[in-house]
Amino acid sequence: MNKLFLFLALSLGLTYGIQAQAPKVYDESVDAMEQIQKAVEEARATDRYVMCQVGGNWCPWCLRFAEFATKDSVIAPLMKDNYVYIHVNYSKDNKNLEAMKFLGNPGRFGYPVFVVLNEKGEPIHIQESESLEEGKGYSRMRVEKFLRLWNRKAVEAEVK
């Protein structure tokens, strides 16, 4: 009887689109320009850059990267130590057009897309995500290289 109940519950769930909710990392109600400004202020105060991950909760690869960036034993500390990491929403309900223009119209590269801002809030690099992907996830080696090449210490070392 329990197997029959489980079968029916799963069947109904699939039929009616009932499924577990993925965590939402993008807040569609946020004004992205205000979000960026606050992140830049924090970055300036802590000697870091801002890492804008542009995308939406509708994007499976966006959610995969968000989890990877905060849980991977190598990537998470790199992000925390070198970047103020924010999720800039782009969705049909809130396209944040002013922010998209300010960030250099990064959506042309697909989603997610990463925009690195310096301590002045200037976009200094747009990184598409396809070259960071591996299989059904992200390559630790590729993401680590990207994060190390575009952090404040690395960029400013080139300038000096």
Foldseek 3Di string as FASTA:
>chain_A
DVVVVVVVVVVVCVVVVNDDQQDWQDDQPDQQVVVLVVQLVVCLVQVAKAKEFEEGSVDPQSSQVVCCCCPPPPNVVLCVNHYDYGYHYDDPSHNSVVVCVQQPVLCVLPHGKIFIAGSVRHTDDIGRCPVQDDDPHGDPVSSVVVSVCPGSVNVVVVVD
